């Protein structure tokens, strides 16, 4: 097709874009995590739009707590086409729940840090912890363990 330009990246450019080591991208390729990764005439890997989209998915799933083995299963399901749509949907629904739980934990951590910021701000303003200890209640003392 005339006039169609496809963005391609070298392995170094792709590594830089995703803040990964080149060896990591080679490992992903060897493990089959980047299907249909093309190579140029010199045998160098070329990262086209499909490979970049795949890397975005891999990095997202890793950030959400998935192992590379689980990600490989997902990639294999993608190769199965429409036959695996329900499996892929279920996987993303489960990952969504996992991320929501991570967010809740981080929100709880942030709330405690905010408590400590308030505590120490008041102590600095007073020049002592004496009054703060008596007036501020630590919210974690009253949490129930689930």
N, C-alpha and C. Protein backbone atom coordinates (compact mmCIF):
# COMPACT_ATOMS: atom_id res chain seq x y z
N UNK A 1 0.83 -1.18 0.00
CA UNK A 1 0.00 0.00 0.00
C UNK A 1 0.88 1.24 0.00
N UNK A 2 0.58 2.11 -0.90
CA UNK A 2 1.34 3.35 -0.99
C UNK A 2 0.82 4.34 0.04
N UNK A 3 1.73 5.03 0.70
CA UNK A 3 1.35 6.06 1.67
C UNK A 3 1.15 5.56 3.08
N UNK A 4 1.21 4.25 3.30
CA UNK A 4 1.05 3.72 4.65
C UNK A 4 2.43 3.58 5.27
N UNK A 5 2.59 4.17 6.44
CA UNK A 5 3.86 4.13 7.13
C UNK A 5 3.66 3.44 8.47
N UNK A 6 4.43 2.41 8.72
CA UNK A 6 4.31 1.65 9.96
C UNK A 6 5.52 1.97 10.83
N UNK A 7 5.24 2.33 12.09
CA UNK A 7 6.30 2.64 13.03
C UNK A 7 6.99 1.36 13.46
N UNK A 8 8.31 1.37 13.39
CA UNK A 8 9.10 0.22 13.83
C UNK A 8 10.21 0.71 14.75
N UNK A 9 10.53 -0.11 15.74
CA UNK A 9 11.56 0.21 16.71
C UNK A 9 12.61 -0.89 16.72
N UNK A 10 13.83 -0.50 16.96
CA UNK A 10 14.87 -1.50 17.20
C UNK A 10 14.68 -2.02 18.62
N UNK A 11 15.39 -3.07 18.95
CA UNK A 11 15.29 -3.61 20.31
C UNK A 11 15.76 -2.58 21.34
N UNK A 12 16.78 -1.81 20.99
CA UNK A 12 17.26 -0.78 21.91
C UNK A 12 16.24 0.31 22.13
N UNK A 13 15.57 0.72 21.06
CA UNK A 13 14.54 1.75 21.17
C UNK A 13 13.35 1.25 21.99
N UNK A 14 12.95 0.01 21.75
CA UNK A 14 11.84 -0.58 22.50
C UNK A 14 12.21 -0.72 23.98
N UNK A 15 13.43 -1.15 24.24
CA UNK A 15 13.88 -1.28 25.64
C UNK A 15 13.84 0.06 26.34
N UNK A 16 14.31 1.09 25.66
CA UNK A 16 14.32 2.44 26.25
C UNK A 16 12.90 2.93 26.50
N UNK A 17 12.03 2.71 25.54
CA UNK A 17 10.64 3.16 25.65
C UNK A 17 9.95 2.54 26.87
N UNK A 18 10.27 1.28 27.17
CA UNK A 18 9.62 0.58 28.27
C UNK A 18 10.48 0.50 29.52
N UNK A 19 11.64 1.14 29.47
CA UNK A 19 12.56 1.13 30.60
C UNK A 19 12.91 -0.31 31.01
N UNK A 20 13.24 -1.10 30.00
CA UNK A 20 13.60 -2.50 30.20
C UNK A 20 15.01 -2.73 29.65
N UNK A 21 15.63 -3.78 30.11
CA UNK A 21 16.91 -4.18 29.54
C UNK A 21 16.67 -4.88 28.21
N UNK A 22 17.63 -4.75 27.32
CA UNK A 22 17.55 -5.46 26.04
C UNK A 22 17.46 -6.96 26.29
N UNK A 23 18.19 -7.44 27.29
CA UNK A 23 18.15 -8.88 27.59
C UNK A 23 16.75 -9.32 28.02
N UNK A 24 16.00 -8.43 28.65
CA UNK A 24 14.63 -8.75 29.04
C UNK A 24 13.76 -8.95 27.81
N UNK A 25 13.92 -8.07 26.83
CA UNK A 25 13.14 -8.20 25.59
C UNK A 25 13.52 -9.47 24.83
N UNK A 26 14.80 -9.79 24.84
CA UNK A 26 15.22 -11.04 24.20
C UNK A 26 14.60 -12.24 24.91
N UNK A 27 14.58 -12.18 26.24
CA UNK A 27 13.98 -13.25 27.04
C UNK A 27 12.49 -13.39 26.72
N UNK A 28 11.77 -12.27 26.67
CA UNK A 28 10.35 -12.30 26.32
C UNK A 28 10.15 -12.98 24.97
N UNK A 29 11.00 -12.62 24.02
CA UNK A 29 10.90 -13.21 22.68
C UNK A 29 11.14 -14.72 22.74
N UNK A 30 12.20 -15.13 23.41
CA UNK A 30 12.52 -16.56 23.50
C UNK A 30 11.43 -17.35 24.22
N UNK A 31 10.72 -16.70 25.16
CA UNK A 31 9.66 -17.37 25.90
C UNK A 31 8.34 -17.37 25.14
N UNK A 32 8.32 -16.74 23.98
CA UNK A 32 7.10 -16.72 23.18
C UNK A 32 6.08 -15.71 23.64
N UNK A 33 6.53 -14.69 24.36
CA UNK A 33 5.61 -13.67 24.87
C UNK A 33 5.28 -12.60 23.84
N UNK A 34 6.06 -12.53 22.78
CA UNK A 34 5.82 -11.53 21.73
C UNK A 34 5.63 -12.28 20.42
N UNK A 35 4.42 -12.73 20.15
CA UNK A 35 4.17 -13.53 18.95
C UNK A 35 4.49 -12.75 17.67
N UNK A 36 4.97 -13.48 16.68
CA UNK A 36 5.22 -12.92 15.35
C UNK A 36 6.19 -11.74 15.35
N UNK A 37 7.14 -11.74 16.27
CA UNK A 37 8.14 -10.68 16.28
C UNK A 37 9.01 -10.83 15.04
N UNK A 38 9.08 -9.79 14.27
CA UNK A 38 9.81 -9.82 13.00
C UNK A 38 11.30 -9.54 13.21
N UNK A 39 12.08 -9.99 12.26
CA UNK A 39 13.51 -9.69 12.26
C UNK A 39 13.86 -9.11 10.89
N UNK A 40 14.82 -8.20 10.90
CA UNK A 40 15.24 -7.61 9.62
C UNK A 40 16.22 -8.55 8.92
N UNK A 41 16.76 -8.10 7.82
CA UNK A 41 17.66 -8.94 7.02
C UNK A 41 18.92 -9.31 7.78
N UNK A 42 19.30 -8.50 8.75
CA UNK A 42 20.49 -8.78 9.55
C UNK A 42 20.19 -9.70 10.73
N UNK A 43 18.91 -10.04 10.93
CA UNK A 43 18.53 -10.90 12.04
C UNK A 43 18.20 -10.15 13.32
N UNK A 44 18.15 -8.82 13.24
CA UNK A 44 17.81 -8.02 14.41
C UNK A 44 16.30 -7.93 14.58
N UNK A 45 15.86 -8.00 15.82
CA UNK A 45 14.43 -7.93 16.11
C UNK A 45 13.90 -6.54 15.77
N UNK A 46 12.71 -6.52 15.17
CA UNK A 46 12.04 -5.27 14.82
C UNK A 46 10.70 -5.25 15.57
N UNK A 47 10.50 -4.22 16.34
CA UNK A 47 9.29 -4.08 17.13
C UNK A 47 8.32 -3.16 16.38
N UNK A 48 7.29 -3.79 15.79
CA UNK A 48 6.28 -3.02 15.08
C UNK A 48 5.14 -2.70 16.05
N UNK A 49 4.06 -2.15 15.52
CA UNK A 49 2.92 -1.75 16.37
C UNK A 49 2.36 -2.93 17.15
N UNK A 50 2.28 -4.10 16.52
CA UNK A 50 1.76 -5.28 17.22
C UNK A 50 2.67 -5.69 18.38
N UNK A 51 3.97 -5.66 18.16
CA UNK A 51 4.91 -6.02 19.22
C UNK A 51 4.86 -5.01 20.36
N UNK A 52 4.73 -3.73 20.01
CA UNK A 52 4.65 -2.69 21.04
C UNK A 52 3.37 -2.86 21.86
N UNK A 53 2.26 -3.13 21.19
CA UNK A 53 1.00 -3.39 21.90
C UNK A 53 1.14 -4.59 22.83
N UNK A 54 1.83 -5.60 22.37
CA UNK A 54 2.07 -6.79 23.19
C UNK A 54 2.90 -6.43 24.42
N UNK A 55 3.93 -5.61 24.24
CA UNK A 55 4.76 -5.18 25.37
C UNK A 55 3.96 -4.35 26.36
N UNK A 56 3.08 -3.50 25.86
CA UNK A 56 2.23 -2.70 26.76
C UNK A 56 1.39 -3.65 27.62
N UNK A 57 0.83 -4.68 27.00
CA UNK A 57 0.01 -5.65 27.73
C UNK A 57 0.84 -6.42 28.74
N UNK A 58 2.02 -6.88 28.34
CA UNK A 58 2.90 -7.63 29.24
C UNK A 58 3.25 -6.78 30.46
N UNK A 59 3.66 -5.55 30.23
CA UNK A 59 4.07 -4.68 31.34
C UNK A 59 2.89 -4.34 32.25
N UNK A 60 1.72 -4.15 31.66
CA UNK A 60 0.52 -3.89 32.47
C UNK A 60 0.21 -5.09 33.36
N UNK A 61 0.22 -6.27 32.77
CA UNK A 61 -0.09 -7.48 33.54
C UNK A 61 0.96 -7.75 34.62
N UNK A 62 2.23 -7.49 34.29
CA UNK A 62 3.27 -7.63 35.31
C UNK A 62 3.02 -6.67 36.47
N UNK A 63 2.70 -5.42 36.15
CA UNK A 63 2.43 -4.42 37.18
C UNK A 63 1.25 -4.81 38.05
N UNK A 64 0.32 -5.55 37.47
CA UNK A 64 -0.86 -5.97 38.23
C UNK A 64 -0.60 -7.21 39.08
N UNK A 65 0.61 -7.75 38.95
CA UNK A 65 0.98 -8.88 39.80
C UNK A 65 1.00 -10.23 39.11
N UNK A 66 0.77 -10.28 37.82
CA UNK A 66 0.79 -11.56 37.11
C UNK A 66 2.22 -12.02 36.88
N UNK A 67 2.41 -13.31 36.94
CA UNK A 67 3.71 -13.90 36.65
C UNK A 67 3.87 -14.01 35.13
N UNK A 68 5.11 -14.16 34.69
CA UNK A 68 5.35 -14.34 33.26
C UNK A 68 4.71 -15.62 32.74
N UNK A 69 4.65 -16.64 33.59
CA UNK A 69 4.00 -17.90 33.19
C UNK A 69 2.52 -17.66 32.92
N UNK A 70 1.87 -16.89 33.79
CA UNK A 70 0.46 -16.58 33.58
C UNK A 70 0.26 -15.70 32.34
N UNK A 71 1.18 -14.78 32.13
CA UNK A 71 1.10 -13.92 30.95
C UNK A 71 1.27 -14.76 29.69
N UNK A 72 2.15 -15.73 29.73
CA UNK A 72 2.36 -16.63 28.59
C UNK A 72 1.07 -17.39 28.28
N UNK A 73 0.38 -17.82 29.30
CA UNK A 73 -0.90 -18.50 29.10
C UNK A 73 -1.87 -17.57 28.38
N UNK A 74 -1.92 -16.31 28.82
CA UNK A 74 -2.78 -15.33 28.15
C UNK A 74 -2.39 -15.16 26.68
N UNK A 75 -1.10 -15.03 26.42
CA UNK A 75 -0.61 -14.87 25.04
C UNK A 75 -1.03 -16.08 24.20
N UNK A 76 -0.91 -17.27 24.78
CA UNK A 76 -1.33 -18.48 24.07
C UNK A 76 -2.83 -18.45 23.77
N UNK A 77 -3.62 -17.97 24.74
CA UNK A 77 -5.05 -17.85 24.50
C UNK A 77 -5.33 -16.89 23.35
N UNK A 78 -4.57 -15.81 23.28
CA UNK A 78 -4.74 -14.84 22.19
C UNK A 78 -4.53 -15.52 20.84
N UNK A 79 -3.55 -16.42 20.79
CA UNK A 79 -3.28 -17.14 19.54
C UNK A 79 -4.44 -18.03 19.15
N UNK A 80 -5.24 -18.47 20.13
CA UNK A 80 -6.40 -19.33 19.87
C UNK A 80 -7.55 -18.57 19.23
N UNK A 81 -7.46 -17.25 19.22
CA UNK A 81 -8.51 -16.45 18.62
C UNK A 81 -9.78 -16.42 19.45
N UNK A 82 -10.91 -16.38 18.75
CA UNK A 82 -12.20 -16.21 19.41
C UNK A 82 -12.56 -17.35 20.37
N UNK A 83 -11.93 -18.49 20.21
CA UNK A 83 -12.23 -19.63 21.08
C UNK A 83 -11.91 -19.35 22.55
N UNK A 84 -11.00 -18.40 22.80
CA UNK A 84 -10.56 -18.14 24.17
C UNK A 84 -11.04 -16.79 24.71
N UNK A 85 -11.99 -16.16 24.05
CA UNK A 85 -12.44 -14.84 24.48
C UNK A 85 -12.94 -14.84 25.93
N UNK A 86 -13.73 -15.84 26.30
CA UNK A 86 -14.27 -15.89 27.66
C UNK A 86 -13.16 -16.07 28.69
N UNK A 87 -12.17 -16.90 28.38
CA UNK A 87 -11.03 -17.10 29.30
C UNK A 87 -10.29 -15.79 29.51
N UNK A 88 -10.06 -15.07 28.40
CA UNK A 88 -9.32 -13.81 28.49
C UNK A 88 -10.11 -12.76 29.28
N UNK A 89 -11.42 -12.70 29.05
CA UNK A 89 -12.25 -11.78 29.82
C UNK A 89 -12.18 -12.11 31.30
N UNK A 90 -12.32 -13.38 31.64
CA UNK A 90 -12.28 -13.79 33.05
C UNK A 90 -10.94 -13.45 33.68
N UNK A 91 -9.86 -13.65 32.92
CA UNK A 91 -8.53 -13.32 33.44
C UNK A 91 -8.42 -11.84 33.77
N UNK A 92 -8.91 -10.98 32.87
CA UNK A 92 -8.84 -9.54 33.12
C UNK A 92 -9.77 -9.14 34.27
N UNK A 93 -10.91 -9.78 34.40
CA UNK A 93 -11.79 -9.49 35.54
C UNK A 93 -11.10 -9.85 36.86
N UNK A 94 -10.40 -10.99 36.88
CA UNK A 94 -9.66 -11.38 38.09
C UNK A 94 -8.53 -10.41 38.38
N UNK A 95 -7.82 -9.98 37.34
CA UNK A 95 -6.72 -9.02 37.55
C UNK A 95 -7.26 -7.69 38.04
N UNK A 96 -8.43 -7.32 37.55
CA UNK A 96 -9.04 -6.08 38.01
C UNK A 96 -9.30 -6.15 39.51
N UNK A 97 -9.83 -7.27 39.97
CA UNK A 97 -10.07 -7.45 41.41
C UNK A 97 -8.77 -7.37 42.19
N UNK A 98 -7.73 -7.99 41.66
CA UNK A 98 -6.43 -7.97 42.34
C UNK A 98 -5.89 -6.54 42.44
N UNK A 99 -6.05 -5.77 41.38
CA UNK A 99 -5.57 -4.39 41.38
C UNK A 99 -6.41 -3.55 42.35
N UNK A 100 -7.71 -3.79 42.38
CA UNK A 100 -8.56 -3.07 43.33
C UNK A 100 -8.11 -3.35 44.77
N UNK A 101 -7.75 -4.59 45.06
CA UNK A 101 -7.26 -4.93 46.40
C UNK A 101 -5.94 -4.22 46.69
N UNK A 102 -5.06 -4.15 45.69
CA UNK A 102 -3.79 -3.43 45.86
C UNK A 102 -4.05 -1.95 46.13
N UNK A 103 -5.00 -1.38 45.40
CA UNK A 103 -5.34 0.04 45.59
C UNK A 103 -5.86 0.26 47.01
N UNK A 104 -6.72 -0.63 47.48
CA UNK A 104 -7.27 -0.51 48.85
C UNK A 104 -6.14 -0.54 49.87
N UNK A 105 -5.20 -1.46 49.71
CA UNK A 105 -4.06 -1.53 50.63
C UNK A 105 -3.25 -0.24 50.59
N UNK A 106 -3.03 0.29 49.40
CA UNK A 106 -2.27 1.54 49.27
C UNK A 106 -3.04 2.72 49.86
N UNK A 107 -4.37 2.73 49.70
CA UNK A 107 -5.17 3.79 50.31
C UNK A 107 -5.07 3.73 51.83
N UNK A 108 -5.11 2.53 52.40
CA UNK A 108 -4.95 2.37 53.85
C UNK A 108 -3.58 2.85 54.30
N UNK A 109 -2.55 2.50 53.53
CA UNK A 109 -1.19 2.95 53.85
C UNK A 109 -1.10 4.47 53.77
N UNK A 110 -1.70 5.05 52.74
CA UNK A 110 -1.68 6.50 52.60
C UNK A 110 -2.41 7.18 53.76
N UNK A 111 -3.52 6.60 54.19
CA UNK A 111 -4.26 7.17 55.32
C UNK A 111 -3.39 7.18 56.58
N UNK A 112 -2.65 6.12 56.79
CA UNK A 112 -1.78 6.07 57.96
C UNK A 112 -0.63 7.08 57.85
N UNK A 113 -0.07 7.18 56.64
CA UNK A 113 0.99 8.19 56.43
C UNK A 113 0.44 9.59 56.66
N UNK A 114 -0.79 9.85 56.17
CA UNK A 114 -1.42 11.15 56.40
C UNK A 114 -1.60 11.42 57.89
N UNK A 115 -1.98 10.38 58.64
CA UNK A 115 -2.10 10.52 60.08
C UNK A 115 -0.76 10.93 60.69
N UNK A 116 0.31 10.26 60.27
CA UNK A 116 1.64 10.57 60.80
C UNK A 116 2.11 11.97 60.38
N UNK A 117 1.77 12.38 59.17
CA UNK A 117 2.11 13.74 58.74
C UNK A 117 1.43 14.75 59.65
N UNK A 118 0.15 14.53 59.92
CA UNK A 118 -0.58 15.41 60.83
C UNK A 118 0.01 15.40 62.23
N UNK A 119 0.35 14.20 62.69
CA UNK A 119 0.95 14.03 64.02
C UNK A 119 2.24 14.84 64.13
N UNK A 120 3.16 14.62 63.18
CA UNK A 120 4.46 15.28 63.27
C UNK A 120 4.38 16.77 62.92
N UNK A 121 3.45 17.16 62.08
CA UNK A 121 3.26 18.59 61.82
C UNK A 121 2.87 19.30 63.11
N UNK A 122 1.92 18.69 63.82
CA UNK A 122 1.49 19.29 65.09
C UNK A 122 2.63 19.27 66.12
N UNK A 123 3.37 18.17 66.18
CA UNK A 123 4.49 18.08 67.13
C UNK A 123 5.55 19.13 66.82
N UNK A 124 5.85 19.33 65.56
CA UNK A 124 6.84 20.36 65.17
C UNK A 124 6.32 21.74 65.54
N UNK A 125 5.04 22.00 65.27
CA UNK A 125 4.46 23.30 65.61
C UNK A 125 4.48 23.54 67.11
N UNK A 126 4.24 22.49 67.90
CA UNK A 126 4.24 22.60 69.36
C UNK A 126 5.64 22.58 69.94
N UNK A 127 6.59 22.05 69.17
CA UNK A 127 7.95 21.90 69.67
C UNK A 127 8.12 20.68 70.56
N UNK A 128 7.11 19.82 70.62
CA UNK A 128 7.15 18.62 71.44
C UNK A 128 6.07 17.65 70.98
N UNK A 129 6.26 16.37 71.31
CA UNK A 129 5.24 15.37 71.03
C UNK A 129 4.26 15.23 72.19
N UNK A 130 4.57 15.83 73.29
CA UNK A 130 3.79 15.61 74.51
C UNK A 130 2.29 15.84 74.30
N UNK A 131 1.92 16.96 73.71
CA UNK A 131 0.50 17.27 73.55
C UNK A 131 -0.15 16.45 72.44
N UNK A 132 0.65 16.14 71.41
CA UNK A 132 0.12 15.38 70.28
C UNK A 132 -0.24 13.97 70.74
N UNK A 133 0.63 13.35 71.52
CA UNK A 133 0.38 11.99 71.99
C UNK A 133 -0.94 11.91 72.75
N UNK A 134 -1.25 12.95 73.48
CA UNK A 134 -2.47 12.95 74.29
C UNK A 134 -3.71 13.25 73.47
N UNK A 135 -3.56 13.98 72.35
CA UNK A 135 -4.74 14.45 71.63
C UNK A 135 -5.06 13.67 70.35
N UNK A 136 -4.08 12.99 69.78
CA UNK A 136 -4.33 12.29 68.52
C UNK A 136 -4.46 10.79 68.76
N UNK A 137 -5.45 10.19 68.15
CA UNK A 137 -5.66 8.75 68.27
C UNK A 137 -5.18 8.09 66.99
N UNK A 138 -4.35 7.08 67.15
CA UNK A 138 -3.81 6.34 66.02
C UNK A 138 -4.92 5.47 65.43
N UNK A 139 -5.29 5.70 64.15
CA UNK A 139 -6.39 4.93 63.57
C UNK A 139 -6.11 3.44 63.46
N UNK A 140 -4.88 3.05 63.39
CA UNK A 140 -4.54 1.62 63.23
C UNK A 140 -4.76 0.83 64.51
N UNK A 141 -4.84 1.52 65.65
CA UNK A 141 -5.08 0.81 66.90
C UNK A 141 -6.46 0.18 66.94
N UNK A 142 -7.37 0.71 66.11
CA UNK A 142 -8.75 0.27 66.18
C UNK A 142 -9.19 -0.50 64.95
N UNK A 143 -8.26 -0.82 64.07
CA UNK A 143 -8.60 -1.61 62.90
C UNK A 143 -8.80 -3.07 63.29
N UNK A 144 -9.70 -3.72 62.58
CA UNK A 144 -9.87 -5.16 62.79
C UNK A 144 -9.08 -5.87 61.69
N UNK A 145 -8.43 -6.93 62.06
CA UNK A 145 -7.67 -7.71 61.10
C UNK A 145 -8.64 -8.61 60.36
N UNK A 146 -8.54 -8.58 59.03
CA UNK A 146 -9.44 -9.40 58.22
C UNK A 146 -8.73 -10.60 57.67
